[in-house]
């Protein structure tokens, strides 16, 4: 059962990539990157 539970996080990654744009972040500064990642995690939650 641990394998099935661990695979949940792969589903969450799929949502963040396909729907929330985690794979195509375009930023020019490190803190801009942090803001975009935090925004994506907020929207996911």
ModelCIF file with pLDDT and N, C-alpha, C, O atoms, coordinates in Angstrom:
data_MODEL
#
_entry.id   MODEL 
#
_entity.id                         1 
_entity.type                       polymer 
_entity.pdbx_number_of_molecules   1 
#
_entity_poly.entity_id                      1 
_entity_poly.type                           'polypeptide(L)' 
_entity_poly.nstd_linkage                   no 
_entity_poly.nstd_monomer                   no 
_entity_poly.pdbx_seq_one_letter_code       
;(UNK)(UNK)(UNK)(UNK)(UNK)(UNK)(UNK)(UNK)(UNK)(UNK)(UNK)(UNK)(UNK)(UNK)(UNK)(UNK)
(UNK)(UNK)(UNK)(UNK)(UNK)(UNK)(UNK)(UNK)(UNK)(UNK)(UNK)(UNK)(UNK)(UNK)(UNK)(UNK)
(UNK)(UNK)(UNK)(UNK)(UNK)(UNK)(UNK)(UNK)(UNK)(UNK)(UNK)(UNK)(UNK)
;
_entity_poly.pdbx_seq_one_letter_code_can   XXXXXXXXXXXXXXXXXXXXXXXXXXXXXXXXXXXXXXXXXXXXX 
_entity_poly.pdbx_strand_id                 A 
#
loop_
_entity_poly_seq.entity_id 
_entity_poly_seq.num 
_entity_poly_seq.mon_id 
_entity_poly_seq.hetero 
1 1  UNK n 
1 2  UNK n 
1 3  UNK n 
1 4  UNK n 
1 5  UNK n 
1 6  UNK n 
1 7  UNK n 
1 8  UNK n 
1 9  UNK n 
1 10 UNK n 
1 11 UNK n 
1 12 UNK n 
1 13 UNK n 
1 14 UNK n 
1 15 UNK n 
1 16 UNK n 
1 17 UNK n 
1 18 UNK n 
1 19 UNK n 
1 20 UNK n 
1 21 UNK n 
1 22 UNK n 
1 23 UNK n 
1 24 UNK n 
1 25 UNK n 
1 26 UNK n 
1 27 UNK n 
1 28 UNK n 
1 29 UNK n 
1 30 UNK n 
1 31 UNK n 
1 32 UNK n 
1 33 UNK n 
1 34 UNK n 
1 35 UNK n 
1 36 UNK n 
1 37 UNK n 
1 38 UNK n 
1 39 UNK n 
1 40 UNK n 
1 41 UNK n 
1 42 UNK n 
1 43 UNK n 
1 44 UNK n 
1 45 UNK n 
#
_struct_asym.id          A 
_struct_asym.entity_id   1 
#
loop_
_ma_qa_metric.id 
_ma_qa_metric.mode 
_ma_qa_metric.name 
_ma_qa_metric.software_group_id 
_ma_qa_metric.type 
1 global pLDDT . pLDDT 
2 local  pLDDT . pLDDT 
#
_ma_qa_metric_global.metric_id      1 
_ma_qa_metric_global.metric_value   90.42 
_ma_qa_metric_global.model_id       1 
_ma_qa_metric_global.ordinal_id     1 
#
loop_
_ma_qa_metric_local.label_asym_id 
_ma_qa_metric_local.label_comp_id 
_ma_qa_metric_local.label_seq_id 
_ma_qa_metric_local.metric_id 
_ma_qa_metric_local.metric_value 
_ma_qa_metric_local.model_id 
_ma_qa_metric_local.ordinal_id 
A UNK 1  2 92.00 1 1  
A UNK 2  2 92.00 1 2  
A UNK 3  2 91.00 1 3  
A UNK 4  2 91.00 1 4  
A UNK 5  2 91.00 1 5  
A UNK 6  2 93.00 1 6  
A UNK 7  2 92.00 1 7  
A UNK 8  2 92.00 1 8  
A UNK 9  2 94.00 1 9  
A UNK 10 2 93.00 1 10 
A UNK 11 2 91.00 1 11 
A UNK 12 2 93.00 1 12 
A UNK 13 2 93.00 1 13 
A UNK 14 2 91.00 1 14 
A UNK 15 2 87.00 1 15 
A UNK 16 2 89.00 1 16 
A UNK 17 2 88.00 1 17 
A UNK 18 2 83.00 1 18 
A UNK 19 2 81.00 1 19 
A UNK 20 2 84.00 1 20 
A UNK 21 2 84.00 1 21 
A UNK 22 2 87.00 1 22 
A UNK 23 2 85.00 1 23 
A UNK 24 2 81.00 1 24 
A UNK 25 2 87.00 1 25 
A UNK 26 2 83.00 1 26 
A UNK 27 2 87.00 1 27 
A UNK 28 2 87.00 1 28 
A UNK 29 2 92.00 1 29 
A UNK 30 2 94.00 1 30 
A UNK 31 2 94.00 1 31 
A UNK 32 2 92.00 1 32 
A UNK 33 2 94.00 1 33 
A UNK 34 2 95.00 1 34 
A UNK 35 2 94.00 1 35 
A UNK 36 2 93.00 1 36 
A UNK 37 2 95.00 1 37 
A UNK 38 2 95.00 1 38 
A UNK 39 2 93.00 1 39 
A UNK 40 2 93.00 1 40 
A UNK 41 2 94.00 1 41 
A UNK 42 2 94.00 1 42 
A UNK 43 2 90.00 1 43 
A UNK 44 2 92.00 1 44 
A UNK 45 2 93.00 1 45 
#
loop_
_atom_site.group_PDB 
_atom_site.id 
_atom_site.type_symbol 
_atom_site.label_atom_id 
_atom_site.label_alt_id 
_atom_site.label_comp_id 
_atom_site.label_asym_id 
_atom_site.label_entity_id 
_atom_site.label_seq_id 
_atom_site.pdbx_PDB_ins_code 
_atom_site.Cartn_x 
_atom_site.Cartn_y 
_atom_site.Cartn_z 
_atom_site.occupancy 
_atom_site.B_iso_or_equiv 
_atom_site.pdbx_formal_charge 
_atom_site.auth_seq_id 
_atom_site.auth_comp_id 
_atom_site.auth_asym_id 
_atom_site.auth_atom_id 
_atom_site.pdbx_PDB_model_num 
ATOM 1   N N  . UNK A 1 1  ? 0.814  -1.209 0.000   1.00 92.00 ? 1  UNK A N  1 
ATOM 2   C CA . UNK A 1 1  ? 0.000  0.000  0.000   1.00 92.00 ? 1  UNK A CA 1 
ATOM 3   C C  . UNK A 1 1  ? 0.850  1.262  0.000   1.00 92.00 ? 1  UNK A C  1 
ATOM 4   O O  . UNK A 1 1  ? 0.386  2.322  -0.420  1.00 92.00 ? 1  UNK A O  1 
ATOM 5   N N  . UNK A 1 2  ? 2.096  1.157  0.469   1.00 92.00 ? 2  UNK A N  1 
ATOM 6   C CA . UNK A 1 2  ? 2.965  2.332  0.484   1.00 92.00 ? 2  UNK A CA 1 
ATOM 7   C C  . UNK A 1 2  ? 3.290  2.810  -0.924  1.00 92.00 ? 2  UNK A C  1 
ATOM 8   O O  . UNK A 1 2  ? 3.408  4.011  -1.166  1.00 92.00 ? 2  UNK A O  1 
ATOM 9   N N  . UNK A 1 3  ? 3.436  1.861  -1.856  1.00 91.00 ? 3  UNK A N  1 
ATOM 10  C CA . UNK A 1 3  ? 3.715  2.252  -3.229  1.00 91.00 ? 3  UNK A CA 1 
ATOM 11  C C  . UNK A 1 3  ? 2.584  3.049  -3.847  1.00 91.00 ? 3  UNK A C  1 
ATOM 12  O O  . UNK A 1 3  ? 2.823  4.013  -4.575  1.00 91.00 ? 3  UNK A O  1 
ATOM 13  N N  . UNK A 1 4  ? 1.355  2.652  -3.560  1.00 91.00 ? 4  UNK A N  1 
ATOM 14  C CA . UNK A 1 4  ? 0.206  3.386  -4.090  1.00 91.00 ? 4  UNK A CA 1 
ATOM 15  C C  . UNK A 1 4  ? 0.122  4.790  -3.488  1.00 91.00 ? 4  UNK A C  1 
ATOM 16  O O  . UNK A 1 4  ? -0.188 5.754  -4.187  1.00 91.00 ? 4  UNK A O  1 
ATOM 17  N N  . UNK A 1 5  ? 0.400  4.896  -2.190  1.00 91.00 ? 5  UNK A N  1 
ATOM 18  C CA . UNK A 1 5  ? 0.347  6.215  -1.545  1.00 91.00 ? 5  UNK A CA 1 
ATOM 19  C C  . UNK A 1 5  ? 1.474  7.103  -2.062  1.00 91.00 ? 5  UNK A C  1 
ATOM 20  O O  . UNK A 1 5  ? 1.266  8.293  -2.297  1.00 91.00 ? 5  UNK A O  1 
ATOM 21  N N  . UNK A 1 6  ? 2.664  6.534  -2.242  1.00 93.00 ? 6  UNK A N  1 
ATOM 22  C CA . UNK A 1 6  ? 3.780  7.344  -2.722  1.00 93.00 ? 6  UNK A CA 1 
ATOM 23  C C  . UNK A 1 6  ? 3.516  7.878  -4.133  1.00 93.00 ? 6  UNK A C  1 
ATOM 24  O O  . UNK A 1 6  ? 3.984  8.962  -4.479  1.00 93.00 ? 6  UNK A O  1 
ATOM 25  N N  . UNK A 1 7  ? 2.780  7.134  -4.940  1.00 92.00 ? 7  UNK A N  1 
ATOM 26  C CA . UNK A 1 7  ? 2.478  7.579  -6.299  1.00 92.00 ? 7  UNK A CA 1 
ATOM 27  C C  . UNK A 1 7  ? 1.523  8.766  -6.333  1.00 92.00 ? 7  UNK A C  1 
ATOM 28  O O  . UNK A 1 7  ? 1.368  9.403  -7.374  1.00 92.00 ? 7  UNK A O  1 
ATOM 29  N N  . UNK A 1 8  ? 0.884  9.068  -5.210  1.00 92.00 ? 8  UNK A N  1 
ATOM 30  C CA . UNK A 1 8  ? 0.009  10.243 -5.181  1.00 92.00 ? 8  UNK A CA 1 
ATOM 31  C C  . UNK A 1 8  ? 0.775  11.506 -5.577  1.00 92.00 ? 8  UNK A C  1 
ATOM 32  O O  . UNK A 1 8  ? 0.245  12.358 -6.289  1.00 92.00 ? 8  UNK A O  1 
ATOM 33  N N  . UNK A 1 9  ? 2.009  11.623 -5.120  1.00 94.00 ? 9  UNK A N  1 
ATOM 34  C CA . UNK A 1 9  ? 2.766  12.842 -5.386  1.00 94.00 ? 9  UNK A CA 1 
ATOM 35  C C  . UNK A 1 9  ? 3.069  12.988 -6.869  1.00 94.00 ? 9  UNK A C  1 
ATOM 36  O O  . UNK A 1 9  ? 3.203  14.110 -7.358  1.00 94.00 ? 9  UNK A O  1 
ATOM 37  N N  . UNK A 1 10 ? 3.179  11.878 -7.598  1.00 93.00 ? 10 UNK A N  1 
ATOM 38  C CA . UNK A 1 10 ? 3.382  11.953 -9.034  1.00 93.00 ? 10 UNK A CA 1 
ATOM 39  C C  . UNK A 1 10 ? 2.138  12.544 -9.714  1.00 93.00 ? 10 UNK A C  1 
ATOM 40  O O  . UNK A 1 10 ? 2.256  13.291 -10.686 1.00 93.00 ? 10 UNK A O  1 
ATOM 41  N N  . UNK A 1 11 ? 0.958  12.209 -9.205  1.00 91.00 ? 11 UNK A N  1 
ATOM 42  C CA . UNK A 1 11 ? -0.272 12.802 -9.730  1.00 91.00 ? 11 UNK A CA 1 
ATOM 43  C C  . UNK A 1 11 ? -0.300 14.294 -9.487  1.00 91.00 ? 11 UNK A C  1 
ATOM 44  O O  . UNK A 1 11 ? -0.694 15.060 -10.367 1.00 91.00 ? 11 UNK A O  1 
ATOM 45  N N  . UNK A 1 12 ? 0.117  14.722 -8.293  1.00 93.00 ? 12 UNK A N  1 
ATOM 46  C CA . UNK A 1 12 ? 0.148  16.154 -7.990  1.00 93.00 ? 12 UNK A CA 1 
ATOM 47  C C  . UNK A 1 12 ? 1.137  16.879 -8.892  1.00 93.00 ? 12 UNK A C  1 
ATOM 48  O O  . UNK A 1 12 ? 0.858  17.987 -9.350  1.00 93.00 ? 12 UNK A O  1 
ATOM 49  N N  . UNK A 1 13 ? 2.298  16.263 -9.154  1.00 93.00 ? 13 UNK A N  1 
ATOM 50  C CA . UNK A 1 13 ? 3.263  16.857 -10.073 1.00 93.00 ? 13 UNK A CA 1 
ATOM 51  C C  . UNK A 1 13 ? 2.663  17.009 -11.468 1.00 93.00 ? 13 UNK A C  1 
ATOM 52  O O  . UNK A 1 13 ? 2.871  18.020 -12.139 1.00 93.00 ? 13 UNK A O  1 
ATOM 53  N N  . UNK A 1 14 ? 1.922  15.998 -11.893 1.00 91.00 ? 14 UNK A N  1 
ATOM 54  C CA . UNK A 1 14 ? 1.296  16.056 -13.215 1.00 91.00 ? 14 UNK A CA 1 
ATOM 55  C C  . UNK A 1 14 ? 0.339  17.228 -13.326 1.00 91.00 ? 14 UNK A C  1 
ATOM 56  O O  . UNK A 1 14 ? 0.295  17.904 -14.354 1.00 91.00 ? 14 UNK A O  1 
ATOM 57  N N  . UNK A 1 15 ? -0.430 17.472 -12.268 1.00 87.00 ? 15 UNK A N  1 
ATOM 58  C CA . UNK A 1 15 ? -1.352 18.608 -12.265 1.00 87.00 ? 15 UNK A CA 1 
ATOM 59  C C  . UNK A 1 15 ? -0.577 19.921 -12.358 1.00 87.00 ? 15 UNK A C  1 
ATOM 60  O O  . UNK A 1 15 ? -0.956 20.805 -13.126 1.00 87.00 ? 15 UNK A O  1 
ATOM 61  N N  . UNK A 1 16 ? 0.494  20.061 -11.592 1.00 89.00 ? 16 UNK A N  1 
ATOM 62  C CA . UNK A 1 16 ? 1.251  21.307 -11.588 1.00 89.00 ? 16 UNK A CA 1 
ATOM 63  C C  . UNK A 1 16 ? 1.959  21.547 -12.913 1.00 89.00 ? 16 UNK A C  1 
ATOM 64  O O  . UNK A 1 16 ? 2.162  22.697 -13.302 1.00 89.00 ? 16 UNK A O  1 
ATOM 65  N N  . UNK A 1 17 ? 2.341  20.480 -13.613 1.00 88.00 ? 17 UNK A N  1 
ATOM 66  C CA . UNK A 1 17 ? 3.014  20.640 -14.896 1.00 88.00 ? 17 UNK A CA 1 
ATOM 67  C C  . UNK A 1 17 ? 2.014  20.913 -16.002 1.00 88.00 ? 17 UNK A C  1 
ATOM 68  O O  . UNK A 1 17 ? 2.172  21.877 -16.752 1.00 88.00 ? 17 UNK A O  1 
ATOM 69  N N  . UNK A 1 18 ? 0.980  20.077 -16.119 1.00 83.00 ? 18 UNK A N  1 
ATOM 70  C CA . UNK A 1 18 ? 0.055  20.189 -17.241 1.00 83.00 ? 18 UNK A CA 1 
ATOM 71  C C  . UNK A 1 18 ? -0.886 21.378 -17.118 1.00 83.00 ? 18 UNK A C  1 
ATOM 72  O O  . UNK A 1 18 ? -1.249 21.979 -18.129 1.00 83.00 ? 18 UNK A O  1 
ATOM 73  N N  . UNK A 1 19 ? -1.286 21.727 -15.912 1.00 81.00 ? 19 UNK A N  1 
ATOM 74  C CA . UNK A 1 19 ? -2.299 22.764 -15.737 1.00 81.00 ? 19 UNK A CA 1 
ATOM 75  C C  . UNK A 1 19 ? -1.746 24.067 -15.170 1.00 81.00 ? 19 UNK A C  1 
ATOM 76  O O  . UNK A 1 19 ? -2.258 25.141 -15.489 1.00 81.00 ? 19 UNK A O  1 
ATOM 77  N N  . UNK A 1 20 ? -0.722 23.993 -14.345 1.00 84.00 ? 20 UNK A N  1 
ATOM 78  C CA . UNK A 1 20 ? -0.265 25.180 -13.630 1.00 84.00 ? 20 UNK A CA 1 
ATOM 79  C C  . UNK A 1 20 ? 1.043  25.743 -14.159 1.00 84.00 ? 20 UNK A C  1 
ATOM 80  O O  . UNK A 1 20 ? 1.529  26.748 -13.641 1.00 84.00 ? 20 UNK A O  1 
ATOM 81  N N  . UNK A 1 21 ? 1.619  25.124 -15.168 1.00 84.00 ? 21 UNK A N  1 
ATOM 82  C CA . UNK A 1 21 ? 2.781  25.712 -15.824 1.00 84.00 ? 21 UNK A CA 1 
ATOM 83  C C  . UNK A 1 21 ? 4.089  25.592 -15.089 1.00 84.00 ? 21 UNK A C  1 
ATOM 84  O O  . UNK A 1 21 ? 4.968  26.432 -15.284 1.00 84.00 ? 21 UNK A O  1 
ATOM 85  N N  . UNK A 1 22 ? 4.264  24.581 -14.247 1.00 87.00 ? 22 UNK A N  1 
ATOM 86  C CA . UNK A 1 22 ? 5.523  24.436 -13.517 1.00 87.00 ? 22 UNK A CA 1 
ATOM 87  C C  . UNK A 1 22 ? 6.695  24.172 -14.457 1.00 87.00 ? 22 UNK A C  1 
ATOM 88  O O  . UNK A 1 22 ? 7.836  24.489 -14.122 1.00 87.00 ? 22 UNK A O  1 
ATOM 89  N N  . UNK A 1 23 ? 6.427  23.597 -15.629 1.00 85.00 ? 23 UNK A N  1 
ATOM 90  C CA . UNK A 1 23 ? 7.492  23.234 -16.564 1.00 85.00 ? 23 UNK A CA 1 
ATOM 91  C C  . UNK A 1 23 ? 7.924  24.394 -17.460 1.00 85.00 ? 23 UNK A C  1 
ATOM 92  O O  . UNK A 1 23 ? 8.910  24.271 -18.185 1.00 85.00 ? 23 UNK A O  1 
ATOM 93  N N  . UNK A 1 24 ? 7.209  25.509 -17.423 1.00 81.00 ? 24 UNK A N  1 
ATOM 94  C CA . UNK A 1 24 ? 7.540  26.601 -18.344 1.00 81.00 ? 24 UNK A CA 1 
ATOM 95  C C  . UNK A 1 24 ? 7.572  27.949 -17.616 1.00 81.00 ? 24 UNK A C  1 
ATOM 96  O O  . UNK A 1 24 ? 7.011  28.935 -18.094 1.00 81.00 ? 24 UNK A O  1 
ATOM 97  N N  . UNK A 1 25 ? 8.214  27.977 -16.489 1.00 87.00 ? 25 UNK A N  1 
ATOM 98  C CA . UNK A 1 25 ? 8.402  29.229 -15.758 1.00 87.00 ? 25 UNK A CA 1 
ATOM 99  C C  . UNK A 1 25 ? 9.473  30.052 -16.462 1.00 87.00 ? 25 UNK A C  1 
ATOM 100 O O  . UNK A 1 25 ? 10.566 29.555 -16.732 1.00 87.00 ? 25 UNK A O  1 
ATOM 101 N N  . UNK A 1 26 ? 9.161  31.306 -16.757 1.00 83.00 ? 26 UNK A N  1 
ATOM 102 C CA . UNK A 1 26 ? 10.113 32.216 -17.385 1.00 83.00 ? 26 UNK A CA 1 
ATOM 103 C C  . UNK A 1 26 ? 10.343 33.396 -16.448 1.00 83.00 ? 26 UNK A C  1 
ATOM 104 O O  . UNK A 1 26 ? 9.463  34.237 -16.266 1.00 83.00 ? 26 UNK A O  1 
ATOM 105 N N  . UNK A 1 27 ? 11.521 33.450 -15.862 1.00 87.00 ? 27 UNK A N  1 
ATOM 106 C CA . UNK A 1 27 ? 11.841 34.508 -14.899 1.00 87.00 ? 27 UNK A CA 1 
ATOM 107 C C  . UNK A 1 27 ? 13.247 35.024 -15.181 1.00 87.00 ? 27 UNK A C  1 
ATOM 108 O O  . UNK A 1 27 ? 14.040 34.372 -15.861 1.00 87.00 ? 27 UNK A O  1 
ATOM 109 N N  . UNK A 1 28 ? 13.537 36.204 -14.646 1.00 87.00 ? 28 UNK A N  1 
ATOM 110 C CA . UNK A 1 28 ? 14.857 36.812 -14.813 1.00 87.00 ? 28 UNK A CA 1 
ATOM 111 C C  . UNK A 1 28 ? 15.597 36.964 -13.492 1.00 87.00 ? 28 UNK A C  1 
ATOM 112 O O  . UNK A 1 28 ? 16.746 37.408 -13.473 1.00 87.00 ? 28 UNK A O  1 
ATOM 113 N N  . UNK A 1 29 ? 14.956 36.604 -12.398 1.00 92.00 ? 29 UNK A N  1 
ATOM 114 C CA . UNK A 1 29 ? 15.607 36.721 -11.097 1.00 92.00 ? 29 UNK A CA 1 
ATOM 115 C C  . UNK A 1 29 ? 15.239 35.521 -10.239 1.00 92.00 ? 29 UNK A C  1 
ATOM 116 O O  . UNK A 1 29 ? 14.226 34.860 -10.470 1.00 92.00 ? 29 UNK A O  1 
ATOM 117 N N  . UNK A 1 30 ? 16.085 35.251 -9.239  1.00 94.00 ? 30 UNK A N  1 
ATOM 118 C CA . UNK A 1 30 ? 15.835 34.117 -8.357  1.00 94.00 ? 30 UNK A CA 1 
ATOM 119 C C  . UNK A 1 30 ? 14.559 34.322 -7.550  1.00 94.00 ? 30 UNK A C  1 
ATOM 120 O O  . UNK A 1 30 ? 13.766 33.393 -7.399  1.00 94.00 ? 30 UNK A O  1 
ATOM 121 N N  . UNK A 1 31 ? 14.353 35.531 -7.031  1.00 94.00 ? 31 UNK A N  1 
ATOM 122 C CA . UNK A 1 31 ? 13.168 35.761 -6.206  1.00 94.00 ? 31 UNK A CA 1 
ATOM 123 C C  . UNK A 1 31 ? 11.894 35.799 -7.040  1.00 94.00 ? 31 UNK A C  1 
ATOM 124 O O  . UNK A 1 31 ? 10.808 35.526 -6.529  1.00 94.00 ? 31 UNK A O  1 
ATOM 125 N N  . UNK A 1 32 ? 12.023 36.136 -8.324  1.00 92.00 ? 32 UNK A N  1 
ATOM 126 C CA . UNK A 1 32 ? 10.887 35.981 -9.213  1.00 92.00 ? 32 UNK A CA 1 
ATOM 127 C C  . UNK A 1 32 ? 10.511 34.518 -9.389  1.00 92.00 ? 32 UNK A C  1 
ATOM 128 O O  . UNK A 1 32 ? 9.330  34.176 -9.464  1.00 92.00 ? 32 UNK A O  1 
ATOM 129 N N  . UNK A 1 33 ? 11.533 33.647 -9.456  1.00 94.00 ? 33 UNK A N  1 
ATOM 130 C CA . UNK A 1 33 ? 11.286 32.206 -9.519  1.00 94.00 ? 33 UNK A CA 1 
ATOM 131 C C  . UNK A 1 33 ? 10.602 31.714 -8.254  1.00 94.00 ? 33 UNK A C  1 
ATOM 132 O O  . UNK A 1 33 ? 9.643  30.946 -8.323  1.00 94.00 ? 33 UNK A O  1 
ATOM 133 N N  . UNK A 1 34 ? 11.090 32.151 -7.098  1.00 95.00 ? 34 UNK A N  1 
ATOM 134 C CA . UNK A 1 34 ? 10.494 31.736 -5.827  1.00 95.00 ? 34 UNK A CA 1 
ATOM 135 C C  . UNK A 1 34 ? 9.030  32.157 -5.767  1.00 95.00 ? 34 UNK A C  1 
ATOM 136 O O  . UNK A 1 34 ? 8.178  31.386 -5.325  1.00 95.00 ? 34 UNK A O  1 
ATOM 137 N N  . UNK A 1 35 ? 8.735  33.383 -6.213  1.00 94.00 ? 35 UNK A N  1 
ATOM 138 C CA . UNK A 1 35 ? 7.348  33.857 -6.189  1.00 94.00 ? 35 UNK A CA 1 
ATOM 139 C C  . UNK A 1 35 ? 6.456  33.012 -7.088  1.00 94.00 ? 35 UNK A C  1 
ATOM 140 O O  . UNK A 1 35 ? 5.335  32.679 -6.705  1.00 94.00 ? 35 UNK A O  1 
ATOM 141 N N  . UNK A 1 36 ? 6.942  32.657 -8.289  1.00 93.00 ? 36 UNK A N  1 
ATOM 142 C CA . UNK A 1 36 ? 6.133  31.859 -9.201  1.00 93.00 ? 36 UNK A CA 1 
ATOM 143 C C  . UNK A 1 36 ? 5.903  30.448 -8.662  1.00 93.00 ? 36 UNK A C  1 
ATOM 144 O O  . UNK A 1 36 ? 4.800  29.913 -8.776  1.00 93.00 ? 36 UNK A O  1 
ATOM 145 N N  . UNK A 1 37 ? 6.936  29.847 -8.079  1.00 95.00 ? 37 UNK A N  1 
ATOM 146 C CA . UNK A 1 37 ? 6.776  28.502 -7.511  1.00 95.00 ? 37 UNK A CA 1 
ATOM 147 C C  . UNK A 1 37 ? 5.801  28.535 -6.342  1.00 95.00 ? 37 UNK A C  1 
ATOM 148 O O  . UNK A 1 37 ? 4.932  27.671 -6.227  1.00 95.00 ? 37 UNK A O  1 
ATOM 149 N N  . UNK A 1 38 ? 5.947  29.544 -5.466  1.00 95.00 ? 38 UNK A N  1 
ATOM 150 C CA . UNK A 1 38 ? 5.019  29.660 -4.338  1.00 95.00 ? 38 UNK A CA 1 
ATOM 151 C C  . UNK A 1 38 ? 3.586  29.879 -4.812  1.00 95.00 ? 38 UNK A C  1 
ATOM 152 O O  . UNK A 1 38 ? 2.645  29.363 -4.209  1.00 95.00 ? 38 UNK A O  1 
ATOM 153 N N  . UNK A 1 39 ? 3.418  30.647 -5.896  1.00 93.00 ? 39 UNK A N  1 
ATOM 154 C CA . UNK A 1 39 ? 2.090  30.874 -6.456  1.00 93.00 ? 39 UNK A CA 1 
ATOM 155 C C  . UNK A 1 39 ? 1.492  29.573 -6.980  1.00 93.00 ? 39 UNK A C  1 
ATOM 156 O O  . UNK A 1 39 ? 0.313  29.297 -6.756  1.00 93.00 ? 39 UNK A O  1 
ATOM 157 N N  . UNK A 1 40 ? 2.292  28.777 -7.672  1.00 93.00 ? 40 UNK A N  1 
ATOM 158 C CA . UNK A 1 40 ? 1.802  27.503 -8.207  1.00 93.00 ? 40 UNK A CA 1 
ATOM 159 C C  . UNK A 1 40 ? 1.410  26.559 -7.081  1.00 93.00 ? 40 UNK A C  1 
ATOM 160 O O  . UNK A 1 40 ? 0.385  25.884 -7.174  1.00 93.00 ? 40 UNK A O  1 
ATOM 161 N N  . UNK A 1 41 ? 2.207  26.502 -6.018  1.00 94.00 ? 41 UNK A N  1 
ATOM 162 C CA . UNK A 1 41 ? 1.877  25.640 -4.888  1.00 94.00 ? 41 UNK A CA 1 
ATOM 163 C C  . UNK A 1 41 ? 0.613  26.129 -4.176  1.00 94.00 ? 41 UNK A C  1 
ATOM 164 O O  . UNK A 1 41 ? -0.204 25.324 -3.729  1.00 94.00 ? 41 UNK A O  1 
ATOM 165 N N  . UNK A 1 42 ? 0.459  27.450 -4.075  1.00 94.00 ? 42 UNK A N  1 
ATOM 166 C CA . UNK A 1 42 ? -0.755 28.001 -3.480  1.00 94.00 ? 42 UNK A CA 1 
ATOM 167 C C  . UNK A 1 42 ? -1.986 27.614 -4.294  1.00 94.00 ? 42 UNK A C  1 
ATOM 168 O O  . UNK A 1 42 ? -2.998 27.188 -3.736  1.00 94.00 ? 42 UNK A O  1 
ATOM 169 N N  . UNK A 1 43 ? -1.894 27.764 -5.619  1.00 90.00 ? 43 UNK A N  1 
ATOM 170 C CA . UNK A 1 43 ? -3.030 27.437 -6.472  1.00 90.00 ? 43 UNK A CA 1 
ATOM 171 C C  . UNK A 1 43 ? -3.335 25.939 -6.403  1.00 90.00 ? 43 UNK A C  1 
ATOM 172 O O  . UNK A 1 43 ? -4.499 25.538 -6.373  1.00 90.00 ? 43 UNK A O  1 
ATOM 173 N N  . UNK A 1 44 ? -2.286 25.117 -6.378  1.00 92.00 ? 44 UNK A N  1 
ATOM 174 C CA . UNK A 1 44 ? -2.512 23.680 -6.251  1.00 92.00 ? 44 UNK A CA 1 
ATOM 175 C C  . UNK A 1 44 ? -3.271 23.361 -4.971  1.00 92.00 ? 44 UNK A C  1 
ATOM 176 O O  . UNK A 1 44 ? -4.250 22.615 -5.000  1.00 92.00 ? 44 UNK A O  1 
ATOM 177 N N  . UNK A 1 45 ? -2.825 23.922 -3.846  1.00 93.00 ? 45 UNK A N  1 
ATOM 178 C CA . UNK A 1 45 ? -3.504 23.645 -2.579  1.00 93.00 ? 45 UNK A CA 1 
ATOM 179 C C  . UNK A 1 45 ? -4.923 24.201 -2.573  1.00 93.00 ? 45 UNK A C  1 
ATOM 180 O O  . UNK A 1 45 ? -5.639 24.057 -1.582  1.00 93.00 ? 45 UNK A O  1 
#
